[in-house]
């Protein structure tokens, strides 16, 4: 990928992007509350398993397809994949996160003068559209999304367990080695194989909705 396009991808996956990603732990806060995650080893296992069994079979293959649909201006296909993605958000917290981050990213795209769909897509679809608008190719968009997802999970773990910053960087270092594997799984995933369930994540998200005191929205 040309350096200019790389820089555009960096902007899209930057923690400074004003879409509120730091508000969400995706069930990790409840997993820490219930002592499923106690240390760096537990955190690395939790994040890695979600990367390979959830993100690699839902978010990433849908991004790949939505990216192609937007480049081809196949709005019906784009909306269909957006619906598929939303159908795999199994709790109200996950659905609210998908909606809120999608709304923020579309608002930003509009303010930057980018073309956007004629309806309000969720975050995964909005990410795909934004990446395509920047000229980021599909595989790089998948790697970027996987990176920013992993980074946000590690940042959440650093606050919640808590981990020291060096410990968090060790987790992130190990996850970097796994991102290409997750991307490859997504690229060979057929339409029929898209979708997976992570019961632990779903339960953690459900219980988090009624957690008495919490730092994150999910």
C-alpha atoms as a PDB file:
ATOM      1  CA  UNK A   1       0.000   0.000   0.000  1.00  0.00           C
ATOM      2  CA  UNK A   2       1.418   3.457  -0.908  1.00  0.00           C
ATOM      3  CA  UNK A   3       2.617   5.505   2.053  1.00  0.00           C
ATOM      4  CA  UNK A   4      -0.077   8.128   1.429  1.00  0.00           C
ATOM      5  CA  UNK A   5      -2.812   5.499   1.736  1.00  0.00           C
ATOM      6  CA  UNK A   6      -1.095   3.989   4.769  1.00  0.00           C
ATOM      7  CA  UNK A   7      -1.316   7.356   6.490  1.00  0.00           C
ATOM      8  CA  UNK A   8      -5.027   7.527   5.669  1.00  0.00           C
ATOM      9  CA  UNK A   9      -5.526   4.100   7.247  1.00  0.00           C
ATOM     10  CA  UNK A  10      -3.631   5.248  10.335  1.00  0.00           C
ATOM     11  CA  UNK A  11      -6.073   8.129  10.650  1.00  0.00           C
ATOM     12  CA  UNK A  12      -9.035   5.732  10.451  1.00  0.00           C
ATOM     13  CA  UNK A  13      -7.674   3.412  13.159  1.00  0.00           C
ATOM     14  CA  UNK A  14      -6.221   6.102  15.415  1.00  0.00           C
ATOM     15  CA  UNK A  15      -7.412   6.229  19.060  1.00  0.00           C
ATOM     16  CA  UNK A  16      -7.861   9.965  18.403  1.00  0.00           C
ATOM     17  CA  UNK A  17     -10.676   9.270  15.937  1.00  0.00           C
ATOM     18  CA  UNK A  18     -13.752  10.877  17.563  1.00  0.00           C
ATOM     19  CA  UNK A  19     -16.100   7.878  17.511  1.00  0.00           C
ATOM     20  CA  UNK A  20     -16.092   6.978  21.212  1.00  0.00           C
ATOM     21  CA  UNK A  21     -14.398   3.575  20.976  1.00  0.00           C
ATOM     22  CA  UNK A  22     -12.839   4.135  24.412  1.00  0.00           C
ATOM     23  CA  UNK A  23     -16.338   3.956  25.952  1.00  0.00           C
ATOM     24  CA  UNK A  24     -16.633   0.223  25.254  1.00  0.00           C
ATOM     25  CA  UNK A  25     -14.934  -2.872  26.676  1.00  0.00           C
ATOM     26  CA  UNK A  26     -17.183  -5.409  24.864  1.00  0.00           C
ATOM     27  CA  UNK A  27     -17.878  -7.498  27.939  1.00  0.00           C
ATOM     28  CA  UNK A  28     -14.325  -7.397  29.262  1.00  0.00           C
ATOM     29  CA  UNK A  29     -15.318  -5.258  32.250  1.00  0.00           C
ATOM     30  CA  UNK A  30     -17.825  -7.862  33.415  1.00  0.00           C
ATOM     31  CA  UNK A  31     -15.309 -10.662  32.771  1.00  0.00           C
ATOM     32  CA  UNK A  32     -12.884  -8.886  35.104  1.00  0.00           C
ATOM     33  CA  UNK A  33     -15.677  -8.297  37.642  1.00  0.00           C
ATOM     34  CA  UNK A  34     -16.448 -12.023  37.700  1.00  0.00           C
ATOM     35  CA  UNK A  35     -12.755 -12.952  38.045  1.00  0.00           C
ATOM     36  CA  UNK A  36     -12.659 -14.690  34.671  1.00  0.00           C
ATOM     37  CA  UNK A  37      -9.787 -12.354  33.873  1.00  0.00           C
ATOM     38  CA  UNK A  38      -7.279 -11.763  36.655  1.00  0.00           C
ATOM     39  CA  UNK A  39      -3.961 -11.072  34.968  1.00  0.00           C
ATOM     40  CA  UNK A  40      -2.084 -10.608  31.706  1.00  0.00           C
ATOM     41  CA  UNK A  41      -2.331 -14.286  30.758  1.00  0.00           C
ATOM     42  CA  UNK A  42      -6.110 -14.317  31.200  1.00  0.00           C
ATOM     43  CA  UNK A  43      -6.501 -11.066  29.287  1.00  0.00           C
ATOM     44  CA  UNK A  44      -4.374 -12.307  26.392  1.00  0.00           C
ATOM     45  CA  UNK A  45      -6.401 -15.522  26.180  1.00  0.00           C
ATOM     46  CA  UNK A  46      -9.762 -13.703  26.293  1.00  0.00           C
ATOM     47  CA  UNK A  47      -8.831 -11.175  23.623  1.00  0.00           C
ATOM     48  CA  UNK A  48      -7.125 -13.751  21.396  1.00  0.00           C
ATOM     49  CA  UNK A  49     -10.073 -16.143  21.460  1.00  0.00           C
ATOM     50  CA  UNK A  50     -12.541 -13.382  20.628  1.00  0.00           C
ATOM     51  CA  UNK A  51     -10.286 -12.223  17.791  1.00  0.00           C
ATOM     52  CA  UNK A  52     -10.164 -15.693  16.243  1.00  0.00           C
ATOM     53  CA  UNK A  53     -13.673 -16.951  17.003  1.00  0.00           C
ATOM     54  CA  UNK A  54     -15.774 -13.793  16.770  1.00  0.00           C
ATOM     55  CA  UNK A  55     -14.038 -10.917  14.967  1.00  0.00           C
ATOM     56  CA  UNK A  56     -12.490 -13.179  12.318  1.00  0.00           C
ATOM     57  CA  UNK A  57     -15.863 -14.763  11.484  1.00  0.00           C
ATOM     58  CA  UNK A  58     -18.182 -11.780  11.804  1.00  0.00           C
ATOM     59  CA  UNK A  59     -16.604  -8.334  11.610  1.00  0.00           C
ATOM     60  CA  UNK A  60     -13.732  -9.010   9.219  1.00  0.00           C
ATOM     61  CA  UNK A  61     -15.499 -11.029   6.494  1.00  0.00           C
ATOM     62  CA  UNK A  62     -18.386  -8.566   6.548  1.00  0.00           C
ATOM     63  CA  UNK A  63     -15.986  -5.631   6.203  1.00  0.00           C
ATOM     64  CA  UNK A  64     -14.402  -7.350   3.198  1.00  0.00           C
ATOM     65  CA  UNK A  65     -17.775  -7.764   1.505  1.00  0.00           C
ATOM     66  CA  UNK A  66     -19.145  -4.356   2.477  1.00  0.00           C
ATOM     67  CA  UNK A  67     -15.964  -2.695   1.196  1.00  0.00           C
ATOM     68  CA  UNK A  68     -16.421  -4.358  -2.203  1.00  0.00           C
ATOM     69  CA  UNK A  69     -20.108  -3.453  -2.297  1.00  0.00           C
ATOM     70  CA  UNK A  70     -19.411   0.222  -1.641  1.00  0.00           C
ATOM     71  CA  UNK A  71     -16.680   0.366  -4.271  1.00  0.00           C
ATOM     72  CA  UNK A  72     -19.146  -1.151  -6.751  1.00  0.00           C
ATOM     73  CA  UNK A  73     -21.938   1.142  -5.489  1.00  0.00           C
ATOM     74  CA  UNK A  74     -23.993  -1.945  -4.721  1.00  0.00           C
ATOM     75  CA  UNK A  75     -26.145  -0.290  -2.073  1.00  0.00           C
ATOM     76  CA  UNK A  76     -28.515  -3.246  -1.767  1.00  0.00           C
ATOM     77  CA  UNK A  77     -25.601  -5.557  -1.062  1.00  0.00           C
ATOM     78  CA  UNK A  78     -24.080  -3.081   1.388  1.00  0.00           C
ATOM     79  CA  UNK A  79     -27.327  -2.788   3.316  1.00  0.00           C
ATOM     80  CA  UNK A  80     -27.757  -6.550   3.349  1.00  0.00           C
ATOM     81  CA  UNK A  81     -24.334  -7.057   4.942  1.00  0.00           C
ATOM     82  CA  UNK A  82     -25.070  -4.281   7.414  1.00  0.00           C
ATOM     83  CA  UNK A  83     -28.207  -6.173   8.458  1.00  0.00           C
ATOM     84  CA  UNK A  84     -26.229  -9.400   8.773  1.00  0.00           C
ATOM     85  CA  UNK A  85     -23.694  -7.717  11.026  1.00  0.00           C
ATOM     86  CA  UNK A  86     -26.361  -6.252  13.281  1.00  0.00           C
ATOM     87  CA  UNK A  87     -28.030  -9.657  13.572  1.00  0.00           C
ATOM     88  CA  UNK A  88     -24.892 -11.006  15.260  1.00  0.00           C
ATOM     89  CA  UNK A  89     -24.884  -8.331  17.971  1.00  0.00           C
ATOM     90  CA  UNK A  90     -26.543 -10.545  20.556  1.00  0.00           C
ATOM     91  CA  UNK A  91     -27.243  -8.068  23.369  1.00  0.00           C
ATOM     92  CA  UNK A  92     -28.694  -4.591  23.620  1.00  0.00           C
ATOM     93  CA  UNK A  93     -25.261  -3.254  24.653  1.00  0.00           C
ATOM     94  CA  UNK A  94     -23.616  -4.698  21.545  1.00  0.00           C
ATOM     95  CA  UNK A  95     -26.364  -3.321  19.321  1.00  0.00           C
ATOM     96  CA  UNK A  96     -26.134   0.103  20.953  1.00  0.00           C
ATOM     97  CA  UNK A  97     -22.359   0.112  20.462  1.00  0.00           C
ATOM     98  CA  UNK A  98     -22.679  -0.813  16.786  1.00  0.00           C
ATOM     99  CA  UNK A  99     -25.254   1.945  16.297  1.00  0.00           C
ATOM    100  CA  UNK A 100     -23.496   4.692  18.281  1.00  0.00           C
ATOM    101  CA  UNK A 101     -20.059   4.189  16.752  1.00  0.00           C
ATOM    102  CA  UNK A 102     -21.557   3.907  13.283  1.00  0.00           C
ATOM    103  CA  UNK A 103     -23.435   7.159  13.807  1.00  0.00           C
ATOM    104  CA  UNK A 104     -20.250   8.915  14.972  1.00  0.00           C
ATOM    105  CA  UNK A 105     -18.178   7.626  12.053  1.00  0.00           C
ATOM    106  CA  UNK A 106     -20.804   8.570   9.463  1.00  0.00           C
ATOM    107  CA  UNK A 107     -21.075  12.033  11.020  1.00  0.00           C
ATOM    108  CA  UNK A 108     -17.307  12.427  10.738  1.00  0.00           C
ATOM    109  CA  UNK A 109     -17.302  11.201   7.131  1.00  0.00           C
ATOM    110  CA  UNK A 110     -20.006  13.718   6.281  1.00  0.00           C
ATOM    111  CA  UNK A 111     -18.060  16.555   7.923  1.00  0.00           C
ATOM    112  CA  UNK A 112     -14.975  15.546   5.917  1.00  0.00           C
ATOM    113  CA  UNK A 113     -16.972  15.679   2.691  1.00  0.00           C
ATOM    114  CA  UNK A 114     -16.974  11.933   2.032  1.00  0.00           C
ATOM    115  CA  UNK A 115     -19.816  10.142   0.208  1.00  0.00           C
ATOM    116  CA  UNK A 116     -21.943   8.058   2.561  1.00  0.00           C
ATOM    117  CA  UNK A 117     -24.855   5.616   2.232  1.00  0.00           C
ATOM    118  CA  UNK A 118     -28.396   6.986   2.142  1.00  0.00           C
ATOM    119  CA  UNK A 119     -29.231   5.317   5.457  1.00  0.00           C
ATOM    120  CA  UNK A 120     -27.521   5.074   8.827  1.00  0.00           C
ATOM    121  CA  UNK A 121     -25.195   2.051   8.817  1.00  0.00           C
ATOM    122  CA  UNK A 122     -23.657   0.396  11.851  1.00  0.00           C
ATOM    123  CA  UNK A 123     -19.995   0.759  12.735  1.00  0.00           C
ATOM    124  CA  UNK A 124     -18.643  -2.202  10.745  1.00  0.00           C
ATOM    125  CA  UNK A 125     -20.336  -1.001   7.567  1.00  0.00           C
ATOM    126  CA  UNK A 126     -19.380   2.621   8.207  1.00  0.00           C
ATOM    127  CA  UNK A 127     -15.755   1.538   8.715  1.00  0.00           C
ATOM    128  CA  UNK A 128     -15.866  -0.305   5.388  1.00  0.00           C
ATOM    129  CA  UNK A 129     -17.266   2.745   3.592  1.00  0.00           C
ATOM    130  CA  UNK A 130     -14.764   5.115   5.205  1.00  0.00           C
ATOM    131  CA  UNK A 131     -11.847   2.819   4.283  1.00  0.00           C
ATOM    132  CA  UNK A 132     -13.040   2.512   0.687  1.00  0.00           C
ATOM    133  CA  UNK A 133     -13.430   6.288   0.436  1.00  0.00           C
ATOM    134  CA  UNK A 134      -9.808   6.687   1.562  1.00  0.00           C
ATOM    135  CA  UNK A 135      -8.574   4.251  -1.093  1.00  0.00           C
ATOM    136  CA  UNK A 136      -7.585   1.631   1.490  1.00  0.00           C
ATOM    137  CA  UNK A 137      -7.727  -1.823  -0.100  1.00  0.00           C
ATOM    138  CA  UNK A 138      -9.812  -4.576   1.443  1.00  0.00           C
ATOM    139  CA  UNK A 139      -7.068  -6.646   3.077  1.00  0.00           C
ATOM    140  CA  UNK A 140      -5.483  -3.572   4.643  1.00  0.00           C
ATOM    141  CA  UNK A 141      -8.884  -2.482   5.947  1.00  0.00           C
ATOM    142  CA  UNK A 142      -9.250  -5.872   7.670  1.00  0.00           C
ATOM    143  CA  UNK A 143      -5.797  -5.653   9.244  1.00  0.00           C
ATOM    144  CA  UNK A 144      -6.470  -2.101  10.394  1.00  0.00           C
ATOM    145  CA  UNK A 145      -9.805  -3.005  11.937  1.00  0.00           C
ATOM    146  CA  UNK A 146      -8.305  -6.016  13.723  1.00  0.00           C
ATOM    147  CA  UNK A 147      -5.495  -3.847  15.056  1.00  0.00           C
ATOM    148  CA  UNK A 148      -7.753  -1.118  16.414  1.00  0.00           C
ATOM    149  CA  UNK A 149     -10.087  -3.724  17.969  1.00  0.00           C
ATOM    150  CA  UNK A 150      -7.152  -5.440  19.715  1.00  0.00           C
ATOM    151  CA  UNK A 151      -5.692  -2.145  20.862  1.00  0.00           C
ATOM    152  CA  UNK A 152      -8.982  -1.031  22.399  1.00  0.00           C
ATOM    153  CA  UNK A 153      -9.358  -4.341  24.217  1.00  0.00           C
ATOM    154  CA  UNK A 154      -5.835  -4.059  25.620  1.00  0.00           C
ATOM    155  CA  UNK A 155      -6.458  -0.467  26.724  1.00  0.00           C
ATOM    156  CA  UNK A 156      -9.602  -1.655  28.513  1.00  0.00           C
ATOM    157  CA  UNK A 157      -7.687  -4.474  30.216  1.00  0.00           C
ATOM    158  CA  UNK A 158      -4.951  -2.049  31.260  1.00  0.00           C
ATOM    159  CA  UNK A 159      -7.533   0.059  33.100  1.00  0.00           C
ATOM    160  CA  UNK A 160      -9.671  -2.741  34.523  1.00  0.00           C
ATOM    161  CA  UNK A 161      -7.406  -5.518  35.824  1.00  0.00           C
ATOM    162  CA  UNK A 162      -5.342  -3.300  36.042  1.00  0.00           C
ATOM    163  CA  UNK A 163      -2.306  -4.106  33.924  1.00  0.00           C
ATOM    164  CA  UNK A 164       0.837  -2.039  33.877  1.00  0.00           C
ATOM    165  CA  UNK A 165       1.537  -0.354  30.577  1.00  0.00           C
ATOM    166  CA  UNK A 166       4.449  -2.711  29.890  1.00  0.00           C
ATOM    167  CA  UNK A 167       2.233  -5.735  30.560  1.00  0.00           C
ATOM    168  CA  UNK A 168      -0.368  -4.313  28.206  1.00  0.00           C
ATOM    169  CA  UNK A 169       2.235  -3.832  25.504  1.00  0.00           C
ATOM    170  CA  UNK A 170       3.305  -7.455  25.886  1.00  0.00           C
ATOM    171  CA  UNK A 171      -0.267  -8.553  25.267  1.00  0.00           C
ATOM    172  CA  UNK A 172      -0.526  -6.261  22.247  1.00  0.00           C
ATOM    173  CA  UNK A 173       2.814  -7.507  20.893  1.00  0.00           C
ATOM    174  CA  UNK A 174       1.561 -11.092  20.968  1.00  0.00           C
ATOM    175  CA  UNK A 175      -1.762 -10.114  19.398  1.00  0.00           C
ATOM    176  CA  UNK A 176       0.025  -8.409  16.501  1.00  0.00           C
ATOM    177  CA  UNK A 177       1.404 -11.802  15.504  1.00  0.00           C
ATOM    178  CA  UNK A 178      -2.128 -13.208  15.401  1.00  0.00           C
ATOM    179  CA  UNK A 179      -3.770 -10.502  13.286  1.00  0.00           C
ATOM    180  CA  UNK A 180      -2.583 -11.937   9.924  1.00  0.00           C
ATOM    181  CA  UNK A 181      -4.037 -15.331  10.914  1.00  0.00           C
ATOM    182  CA  UNK A 182      -7.407 -13.739  11.732  1.00  0.00           C
ATOM    183  CA  UNK A 183      -7.368 -11.804   8.456  1.00  0.00           C
ATOM    184  CA  UNK A 184      -6.577 -14.957   6.485  1.00  0.00           C
ATOM    185  CA  UNK A 185      -9.475 -16.764   8.179  1.00  0.00           C
ATOM    186  CA  UNK A 186     -11.772 -13.918   7.168  1.00  0.00           C
ATOM    187  CA  UNK A 187     -10.582 -13.927   3.566  1.00  0.00           C
ATOM    188  CA  UNK A 188     -11.309 -17.633   3.086  1.00  0.00           C
ATOM    189  CA  UNK A 189     -14.612 -17.495   5.004  1.00  0.00           C
ATOM    190  CA  UNK A 190     -17.552 -18.237   2.712  1.00  0.00           C
ATOM    191  CA  UNK A 191     -20.855 -16.397   2.956  1.00  0.00           C
ATOM    192  CA  UNK A 192     -22.426 -19.424   4.619  1.00  0.00           C
ATOM    193  CA  UNK A 193     -19.654 -19.622   7.224  1.00  0.00           C
ATOM    194  CA  UNK A 194     -20.004 -16.030   8.393  1.00  0.00           C
ATOM    195  CA  UNK A 195     -21.249 -15.859  11.960  1.00  0.00           C
ATOM    196  CA  UNK A 196     -20.254 -17.350  15.234  1.00  0.00           C
ATOM    197  CA  UNK A 197     -21.389 -17.201  18.821  1.00  0.00           C
ATOM    198  CA  UNK A 198     -19.191 -16.500  21.824  1.00  0.00           C
ATOM    199  CA  UNK A 199     -21.384 -17.480  24.791  1.00  0.00           C
ATOM    200  CA  UNK A 200     -18.971 -16.058  27.369  1.00  0.00           C
ATOM    201  CA  UNK A 201     -18.971 -12.689  25.643  1.00  0.00           C
ATOM    202  CA  UNK A 202     -22.756 -12.703  25.329  1.00  0.00           C
ATOM    203  CA  UNK A 203     -23.245 -13.522  29.007  1.00  0.00           C
ATOM    204  CA  UNK A 204     -20.683 -10.938  30.085  1.00  0.00           C
ATOM    205  CA  UNK A 205     -22.430  -8.303  27.974  1.00  0.00           C
ATOM    206  CA  UNK A 206     -25.851  -9.217  29.375  1.00  0.00           C
ATOM    207  CA  UNK A 207     -24.642  -9.123  32.976  1.00  0.00           C
ATOM    208  CA  UNK A 208     -22.784  -5.891  32.352  1.00  0.00           C
ATOM    209  CA  UNK A 209     -26.077  -4.171  31.555  1.00  0.00           C
ATOM    210  CA  UNK A 210     -27.059  -4.417  35.230  1.00  0.00           C
ATOM    211  CA  UNK A 211     -23.599  -4.102  36.805  1.00  0.00           C
ATOM    212  CA  UNK A 212     -23.944  -1.749  39.779  1.00  0.00           C
ATOM    213  CA  UNK A 213     -20.846   0.341  39.129  1.00  0.00           C
ATOM    214  CA  UNK A 214     -19.016   0.373  35.832  1.00  0.00           C
ATOM    215  CA  UNK A 215     -16.452   2.327  33.837  1.00  0.00           C
ATOM    216  CA  UNK A 216     -17.480   1.315  30.313  1.00  0.00           C
ATOM    217  CA  UNK A 217     -20.789   1.327  28.439  1.00  0.00           C
ATOM    218  CA  UNK A 218     -20.365  -2.295  27.373  1.00  0.00           C
END
